[in-house]
Amino acid sequence: MSNAVNRRWLLAKHPEGLPDSSCWTLDAAPLPEPGPGQILVKARYLSVDPYMRGRMSRRGNYAKGVAIGEVMRGGGVGEVVASRHPSWKIGDIAETMGFGWQEWSVMTPGQPGPDGVNRIDPSLAPIESALSWLGMPGITAYVGLIEVGRPKPGDTVIVSAASGAVGQLVGQIAKLAGCRIVAIAGSDEKLAWCRSLGFDEGINHRTAGSLPAALKAACPGGVNVFFDNTGGPIHDAVMRTLAVGARVVICGRIALASRYEAPDVGERFLGHLIVSRATIAGFLVFDWWHRREEALARLAAWQRAGRLRYREDVLDGIERMPEAFLRLFSGENFGKQLVRMVG
């Protein structure tokens, strides 16, 4: 490791509208050294997720943003190559949401919360699963649907970005709860994947014409649970179809990435809410991190029983981190987007 350097992506500017590749610069720094109680981890997989758009903004957010010149925030999983911690040894596999867009990361085990370090057992699942269905996206789907959406047998559940990292899991969990599931996605191929997972119907929002009309045809009795991963026009259309007592889970707003810093202006639904007596709740998985072990145990059990499937989209090389992230906004990704380190 004496000649190794740490390639890392630094934030070069805050985006105005949609991010592009000029927002980051690839830097080469000396290899970091772990201090007492720390470990040095070499990345095997890094994650990109829609929430990172908020971390790039000048505006305040639910968590500290990335400053100009700082390493871009993000999760990762990798192998311990040096340890000064009594409970961690070389060869262990570590995962954290605080890894950053870099090849090497110094971690301090024992910290609580999402940036804490988790030991991964590679015999249970491929290690990249810790960034996918057996990690933050899986916890988001499980807790967001079960605790906020509160599905009941016979409910009609609509999931936007249904083939994505979270959406593909939400639909399957809702099916396990005895619900009827309608997928909204941006291609017929993605809808075919959703149907193979057990979704009952699908709507291609790019070709549907009138989205409100398509939703009413697919949900003649109204929508009982709306798991919203996109915001924007899809949100507006689904809000018109809510059944009495509906629950709306606001999980993401990737459709608004091009105007993230602007006011979120759309239709007003106060009249609809009076009629439907629906509830709308913002959902942030980090508020539910104390349920992490429960969620992962349930997800793992379903997967072992063949009742939970997933799709991942993997690019190779740290050079492709910005490309992988930007794919989220164009809809090019199919399933959970990951970057595999090479070399």
Protein backbone atom coordinates (compact mmCIF):
# COMPACT_ATOMS: atom_id res chain seq x y z
CA MET A 1 0.00 0.00 0.00
CA SER A 2 3.05 2.27 0.18
CA ASN A 3 2.47 3.58 -3.36
CA ALA A 4 -1.31 3.72 -3.13
CA VAL A 5 -3.25 6.95 -3.32
CA ASN A 6 -6.83 7.65 -2.40
CA ARG A 7 -8.82 8.71 -5.43
CA ARG A 8 -11.88 10.64 -4.31
CA TRP A 9 -14.57 12.84 -5.81
CA LEU A 10 -14.77 16.35 -4.33
CA LEU A 11 -17.69 18.71 -4.75
CA ALA A 12 -16.55 21.45 -7.12
CA LYS A 13 -19.71 23.54 -7.18
CA HIS A 14 -23.28 23.59 -5.99
CA PRO A 15 -25.60 22.75 -8.90
CA GLU A 16 -28.13 25.16 -10.30
CA GLY A 17 -30.88 22.85 -11.51
CA LEU A 18 -29.89 19.35 -12.55
CA PRO A 19 -26.34 18.39 -11.56
CA ASP A 20 -23.84 17.59 -14.28
CA SER A 21 -20.32 16.18 -14.33
CA SER A 22 -18.77 19.61 -13.74
CA CYS A 23 -20.11 19.54 -10.16
CA TRP A 24 -17.25 17.25 -9.06
CA THR A 25 -13.53 16.90 -9.52
CA LEU A 26 -11.51 13.68 -9.15
CA ASP A 27 -8.70 14.16 -6.64
CA ALA A 28 -5.78 11.96 -5.60
CA ALA A 29 -4.78 12.24 -1.95
CA PRO A 30 -2.28 10.33 0.21
CA LEU A 31 -3.63 7.14 1.71
CA PRO A 32 -5.30 7.94 5.04
CA GLU A 33 -3.95 6.36 8.21
CA PRO A 34 -6.21 4.98 10.96
CA GLY A 35 -5.75 6.37 14.45
CA PRO A 36 -6.38 4.60 17.75
CA GLY A 37 -9.75 2.82 17.70
CA GLN A 38 -10.06 3.20 13.94
CA ILE A 39 -9.94 0.97 10.85
CA LEU A 40 -8.86 1.59 7.26
CA VAL A 41 -11.26 0.17 4.69
CA LYS A 42 -10.69 -0.33 0.97
CA ALA A 43 -13.93 0.13 -0.95
CA ARG A 44 -15.41 -2.77 -2.87
CA TYR A 45 -18.74 -1.10 -3.77
CA LEU A 46 -19.98 2.47 -3.48
CA SER A 47 -23.58 3.61 -3.55
CA VAL A 48 -25.35 6.48 -5.26
CA ASP A 49 -28.80 7.52 -4.05
CA PRO A 50 -31.29 10.30 -4.80
CA TYR A 51 -30.89 11.86 -1.33
CA MET A 52 -27.41 12.98 -2.36
CA ARG A 53 -28.94 15.71 -4.49
CA GLY A 54 -30.07 17.42 -1.29
CA ARG A 55 -26.58 17.16 0.21
CA MET A 56 -25.24 19.11 -2.78
CA SER A 57 -27.59 22.04 -2.26
CA ARG A 58 -26.78 25.41 -0.74
CA ARG A 59 -30.13 25.26 1.02
CA GLY A 60 -30.56 23.82 4.48
CA ASN A 61 -31.60 20.20 4.63
CA TYR A 62 -32.32 17.50 7.17
CA ALA A 63 -28.59 16.75 7.35
CA LYS A 64 -25.34 18.63 6.88
CA GLY A 65 -24.58 19.29 3.24
CA VAL A 66 -21.33 18.81 1.36
CA ALA A 67 -19.18 21.94 1.20
CA ILE A 68 -17.14 22.92 -1.83
CA GLY A 69 -13.89 20.93 -1.75
CA GLU A 70 -15.23 18.20 0.51
CA VAL A 71 -15.52 14.53 -0.40
CA MET A 72 -18.97 13.76 -1.76
CA ARG A 73 -21.10 11.96 0.79
CA GLY A 74 -22.29 8.40 0.22
CA GLY A 75 -22.42 4.86 1.48
CA GLY A 76 -19.96 2.10 0.78
CA VAL A 77 -18.88 -1.40 1.70
CA GLY A 78 -15.34 -2.72 1.69
CA GLU A 79 -12.56 -4.74 3.27
CA VAL A 80 -10.58 -3.81 6.36
CA VAL A 81 -6.91 -3.53 5.37
CA ALA A 82 -5.54 -2.03 8.61
CA SER A 83 -6.99 -1.98 12.10
CA ARG A 84 -6.21 -0.20 15.35
CA HIS A 85 -9.51 -1.32 16.85
CA PRO A 86 -9.54 -4.34 19.20
CA SER A 87 -12.74 -5.83 17.73
CA TRP A 88 -11.89 -5.48 14.04
CA LYS A 89 -9.31 -7.47 12.10
CA ILE A 90 -7.82 -7.33 8.62
CA GLY A 91 -10.17 -9.02 6.16
CA ASP A 92 -13.39 -8.05 7.94
CA ILE A 93 -16.09 -6.48 5.74
CA ALA A 94 -17.40 -3.09 6.86
CA GLU A 95 -20.33 -0.97 5.68
CA THR A 96 -21.32 2.59 6.48
CA MET A 97 -23.33 5.40 4.95
CA GLY A 98 -20.43 7.69 5.80
CA PHE A 99 -17.91 6.08 3.45
CA GLY A 100 -17.82 8.89 0.85
CA TRP A 101 -17.08 8.79 -2.88
CA GLN A 102 -13.53 7.51 -2.40
CA GLU A 103 -11.47 4.35 -2.67
CA TRP A 104 -10.25 4.25 0.92
CA SER A 105 -11.94 5.41 4.12
CA VAL A 106 -10.92 5.63 7.76
CA MET A 107 -13.80 4.60 10.03
CA THR A 108 -14.40 4.72 13.77
CA PRO A 109 -16.51 1.73 14.86
CA GLY A 110 -18.92 2.30 17.72
CA GLN A 111 -20.53 5.51 16.52
CA PRO A 112 -24.35 5.38 16.51
CA GLY A 113 -26.69 6.11 13.60
CA PRO A 114 -26.43 5.75 9.82
CA ASP A 115 -22.78 6.82 9.76
CA GLY A 116 -21.92 4.05 12.18
CA VAL A 117 -19.83 1.10 10.98
CA ASN A 118 -21.54 -2.25 10.51
CA ARG A 119 -19.77 -5.59 10.22
CA ILE A 120 -21.05 -7.58 7.21
CA ASP A 121 -21.12 -11.37 7.07
CA PRO A 122 -20.31 -12.26 3.43
CA SER A 123 -21.70 -15.78 3.92
CA LEU A 124 -25.24 -14.44 4.30
CA ALA A 125 -25.52 -12.41 1.08
CA PRO A 126 -23.25 -10.71 -1.49
CA ILE A 127 -21.59 -7.83 0.29
CA GLU A 128 -23.09 -5.24 -2.07
CA SER A 129 -26.50 -6.22 -0.68
CA ALA A 130 -25.60 -4.09 2.36
CA LEU A 131 -26.06 -1.05 0.09
CA SER A 132 -29.19 -2.39 -1.57
CA TRP A 133 -32.08 -4.59 -0.44
CA LEU A 134 -30.29 -5.54 2.81
CA GLY A 135 -29.30 -1.97 3.62
CA MET A 136 -30.68 1.56 3.59
CA PRO A 137 -33.06 1.09 0.59
CA GLY A 138 -34.49 -2.05 2.16
CA ILE A 139 -34.97 -0.37 5.54
CA THR A 140 -36.63 2.57 3.79
CA ALA A 141 -39.08 0.31 1.99
CA TYR A 142 -39.87 -1.79 5.05
CA VAL A 143 -40.37 0.93 7.64
CA GLY A 144 -41.85 3.50 5.27
CA LEU A 145 -44.56 1.14 4.07
CA ILE A 146 -45.29 -0.75 7.28
CA GLU A 147 -45.19 2.15 9.75
CA VAL A 148 -46.26 5.13 7.65
CA GLY A 149 -48.28 3.54 4.83
CA ARG A 150 -49.94 1.03 7.20
CA PRO A 151 -51.16 -1.32 4.43
CA LYS A 152 -54.19 -3.52 5.03
CA PRO A 153 -55.27 -6.61 3.08
CA GLY A 154 -57.24 -5.53 0.00
CA ASP A 155 -55.71 -2.03 -0.14
CA THR A 156 -54.65 -0.60 -3.48
CA VAL A 157 -51.06 0.59 -3.20
CA ILE A 158 -49.38 2.79 -5.81
CA VAL A 159 -45.59 2.99 -5.95
CA SER A 160 -43.79 5.60 -8.05
CA ALA A 161 -40.28 4.85 -9.36
CA ALA A 162 -41.49 1.29 -8.82
CA SER A 163 -38.48 -0.45 -10.39
CA GLY A 164 -35.95 1.53 -8.36
CA ALA A 165 -33.93 0.54 -5.32
CA VAL A 166 -36.77 1.29 -2.89
CA GLY A 167 -39.81 0.92 -5.12
CA GLN A 168 -39.14 -2.67 -6.19
CA LEU A 169 -39.07 -3.67 -2.51
CA VAL A 170 -42.09 -1.61 -1.45
CA GLY A 171 -44.27 -3.39 -4.01
CA GLN A 172 -43.20 -6.85 -2.88
CA ILE A 173 -43.69 -6.05 0.81
CA ALA A 174 -47.13 -4.63 0.04
CA LYS A 175 -47.96 -7.84 -1.82
CA LEU A 176 -46.94 -9.83 1.24
CA ALA A 177 -49.41 -7.69 3.19
CA GLY A 178 -52.24 -8.78 0.87
CA CYS A 179 -52.52 -5.60 -1.16
CA ARG A 180 -53.15 -4.89 -4.83
CA ILE A 181 -50.11 -3.10 -6.26
CA VAL A 182 -49.88 -0.61 -9.12
CA ALA A 183 -46.43 0.32 -10.43
CA ILE A 184 -45.53 3.66 -12.02
CA ALA A 185 -42.27 3.59 -13.99
CA GLY A 186 -40.69 5.15 -17.04
CA SER A 187 -40.40 2.23 -19.47
CA ASP A 188 -42.26 -0.89 -20.49
CA GLU A 189 -39.16 -2.96 -19.62
CA LYS A 190 -39.22 -1.65 -16.06
CA LEU A 191 -42.94 -2.36 -15.78
CA ALA A 192 -42.36 -5.92 -17.01
CA TRP A 193 -39.84 -6.37 -14.20
CA CYS A 194 -42.37 -5.04 -11.69
CA ARG A 195 -45.03 -7.45 -12.93
CA SER A 196 -42.56 -10.32 -12.56
CA LEU A 197 -42.24 -9.30 -8.90
CA GLY A 198 -45.99 -9.54 -8.37
CA PHE A 199 -47.21 -6.02 -9.13
CA ASP A 200 -50.76 -6.30 -10.45
CA GLU A 201 -50.73 -3.41 -12.92
CA GLY A 202 -48.30 -0.90 -14.35
CA ILE A 203 -48.42 2.58 -15.83
CA ASN A 204 -45.68 4.01 -18.04
CA HIS A 205 -45.77 7.68 -17.09
CA ARG A 206 -43.88 8.64 -20.27
CA THR A 207 -46.42 7.12 -22.66
CA ALA A 208 -49.66 7.06 -20.68
CA GLY A 209 -51.00 10.27 -22.19
CA SER A 210 -53.32 11.51 -19.46
CA LEU A 211 -51.77 10.18 -16.27
CA PRO A 212 -54.82 11.01 -14.13
CA ALA A 213 -57.04 9.07 -16.56
CA ALA A 214 -54.65 6.11 -16.54
CA LEU A 215 -54.61 6.12 -12.75
CA LYS A 216 -58.37 6.21 -12.49
CA ALA A 217 -58.62 3.28 -14.89
CA ALA A 218 -56.06 1.30 -12.90
CA CYS A 219 -57.54 2.25 -9.51
CA PRO A 220 -61.33 2.45 -9.93
CA GLY A 221 -61.84 2.23 -6.17
CA GLY A 222 -59.21 4.86 -5.43
CA VAL A 223 -55.73 4.65 -3.92
CA ASN A 224 -55.39 3.58 -0.30
CA VAL A 225 -51.61 3.91 0.00
CA PHE A 226 -49.34 6.05 -2.17
CA PHE A 227 -45.60 5.49 -1.71
CA ASP A 228 -44.18 8.55 -3.44
CA ASN A 229 -40.56 8.32 -4.53
CA THR A 230 -40.71 11.08 -7.16
CA GLY A 231 -42.86 14.08 -6.34
CA GLY A 232 -43.74 16.37 -9.26
CA PRO A 233 -46.45 15.61 -11.86
CA ILE A 234 -46.78 11.96 -10.76
CA HIS A 235 -47.53 13.11 -7.23
CA ASP A 236 -50.12 15.59 -8.49
CA ALA A 237 -51.86 12.95 -10.59
CA VAL A 238 -52.04 10.33 -7.83
CA MET A 239 -53.35 12.84 -5.29
CA ARG A 240 -56.50 13.19 -7.39
CA THR A 241 -57.29 9.49 -6.98
CA LEU A 242 -57.05 9.06 -3.20
CA ALA A 243 -59.62 6.88 -1.49
CA VAL A 244 -61.20 7.83 1.82
CA GLY A 245 -58.65 7.40 4.59
CA ALA A 246 -55.69 7.11 2.20
CA ARG A 247 -52.11 7.32 3.49
CA VAL A 248 -49.48 9.15 1.44
CA VAL A 249 -45.81 8.44 2.17
CA ILE A 250 -43.52 11.21 0.91
CA CYS A 251 -40.19 9.41 0.55
CA GLY A 252 -38.45 11.16 -2.37
CA ARG A 253 -38.78 13.92 -4.95
CA ILE A 254 -36.32 13.03 -7.65
CA ALA A 255 -38.65 14.45 -10.31
CA LEU A 256 -37.87 17.92 -8.90
CA ALA A 257 -34.09 17.61 -9.10
CA SER A 258 -33.88 20.24 -11.84
CA ARG A 259 -35.44 22.86 -9.55
CA TYR A 260 -34.40 21.60 -6.16
CA GLU A 261 -33.53 25.06 -4.83
CA ALA A 262 -36.81 26.61 -6.06
CA PRO A 263 -40.09 26.52 -4.11
CA ASP A 264 -41.94 23.23 -4.56
CA VAL A 265 -44.97 24.63 -6.34
CA GLY A 266 -47.72 22.36 -7.65
CA GLU A 267 -51.41 21.83 -7.33
CA ARG A 268 -53.11 22.49 -3.99
CA PHE A 269 -54.92 19.47 -2.61
CA LEU A 270 -56.57 20.81 0.53
CA GLY A 271 -60.02 20.22 -0.95
CA HIS A 272 -59.10 16.67 -1.93
CA LEU A 273 -57.85 16.02 1.59
CA ILE A 274 -61.10 17.20 3.12
CA VAL A 275 -63.05 14.84 0.88
CA SER A 276 -60.69 11.87 1.24
CA ARG A 277 -59.68 12.51 4.87
CA ALA A 278 -56.26 11.35 3.75
CA THR A 279 -53.03 11.81 5.67
CA ILE A 280 -49.73 12.88 4.13
CA ALA A 281 -46.52 12.15 6.02
CA GLY A 282 -42.94 12.93 5.16
CA PHE A 283 -40.70 9.93 5.74
CA LEU A 284 -37.00 9.97 6.56
CA VAL A 285 -35.44 6.58 7.18
CA PHE A 286 -32.82 8.00 9.54
CA ASP A 287 -35.58 8.75 12.06
CA TRP A 288 -36.23 5.01 12.18
CA TRP A 289 -32.65 3.75 12.35
CA HIS A 290 -33.40 2.09 15.68
CA ARG A 291 -35.54 -0.37 13.68
CA ARG A 292 -32.62 -1.33 11.43
CA GLU A 293 -31.99 -4.81 12.83
CA GLU A 294 -35.69 -5.69 12.78
CA ALA A 295 -36.04 -4.55 9.17
CA LEU A 296 -32.95 -6.41 7.98
CA ALA A 297 -34.02 -9.61 9.72
CA ARG A 298 -37.46 -9.52 8.06
CA LEU A 299 -36.01 -8.70 4.65
CA ALA A 300 -33.43 -11.49 4.90
CA ALA A 301 -36.09 -14.02 5.91
CA TRP A 302 -38.31 -13.08 2.98
CA GLN A 303 -35.38 -13.28 0.58
CA ARG A 304 -34.33 -16.71 1.86
CA ALA A 305 -37.91 -17.91 1.41
CA GLY A 306 -37.90 -16.75 -2.22
CA ARG A 307 -40.47 -14.04 -1.54
CA LEU A 308 -38.24 -11.05 -2.16
CA ARG A 309 -36.25 -10.40 -5.33
CA TYR A 310 -34.22 -7.42 -6.41
CA ARG A 311 -32.30 -5.97 -9.31
CA GLU A 312 -29.02 -4.04 -9.17
CA ASP A 313 -27.37 -1.86 -11.82
CA VAL A 314 -23.58 -1.92 -11.51
CA LEU A 315 -20.95 0.27 -13.20
CA ASP A 316 -17.24 -0.40 -12.82
CA GLY A 317 -14.58 2.02 -11.60
CA ILE A 318 -14.52 5.04 -9.31
CA GLU A 319 -14.18 7.20 -12.43
CA ARG A 320 -17.86 6.46 -13.11
CA MET A 321 -19.31 7.78 -9.85
CA PRO A 322 -20.77 10.98 -11.35
CA GLU A 323 -22.14 9.03 -14.32
CA ALA A 324 -23.79 6.54 -12.00
CA PHE A 325 -25.35 9.31 -9.92
CA LEU A 326 -26.65 11.23 -12.93
CA ARG A 327 -28.30 8.06 -14.29
CA LEU A 328 -30.76 8.34 -11.40
CA PHE A 329 -32.18 11.57 -12.83
CA SER A 330 -32.46 10.41 -16.44
CA GLY A 331 -34.11 7.11 -15.53
CA GLU A 332 -31.26 5.11 -17.10
CA ASN A 333 -30.66 3.07 -13.96
CA PHE A 334 -32.61 -0.14 -13.53
CA GLY A 335 -32.85 -1.18 -9.89
CA LYS A 336 -30.36 -0.14 -7.25
CA GLN A 337 -27.42 1.80 -8.74
CA LEU A 338 -23.97 0.74 -7.52
CA VAL A 339 -20.37 1.32 -8.53
CA ARG A 340 -17.92 -1.56 -8.19
CA MET A 341 -14.29 -0.70 -7.50
CA VAL A 342 -11.76 -2.31 -9.82
CA GLY A 343 -8.07 -2.87 -9.32
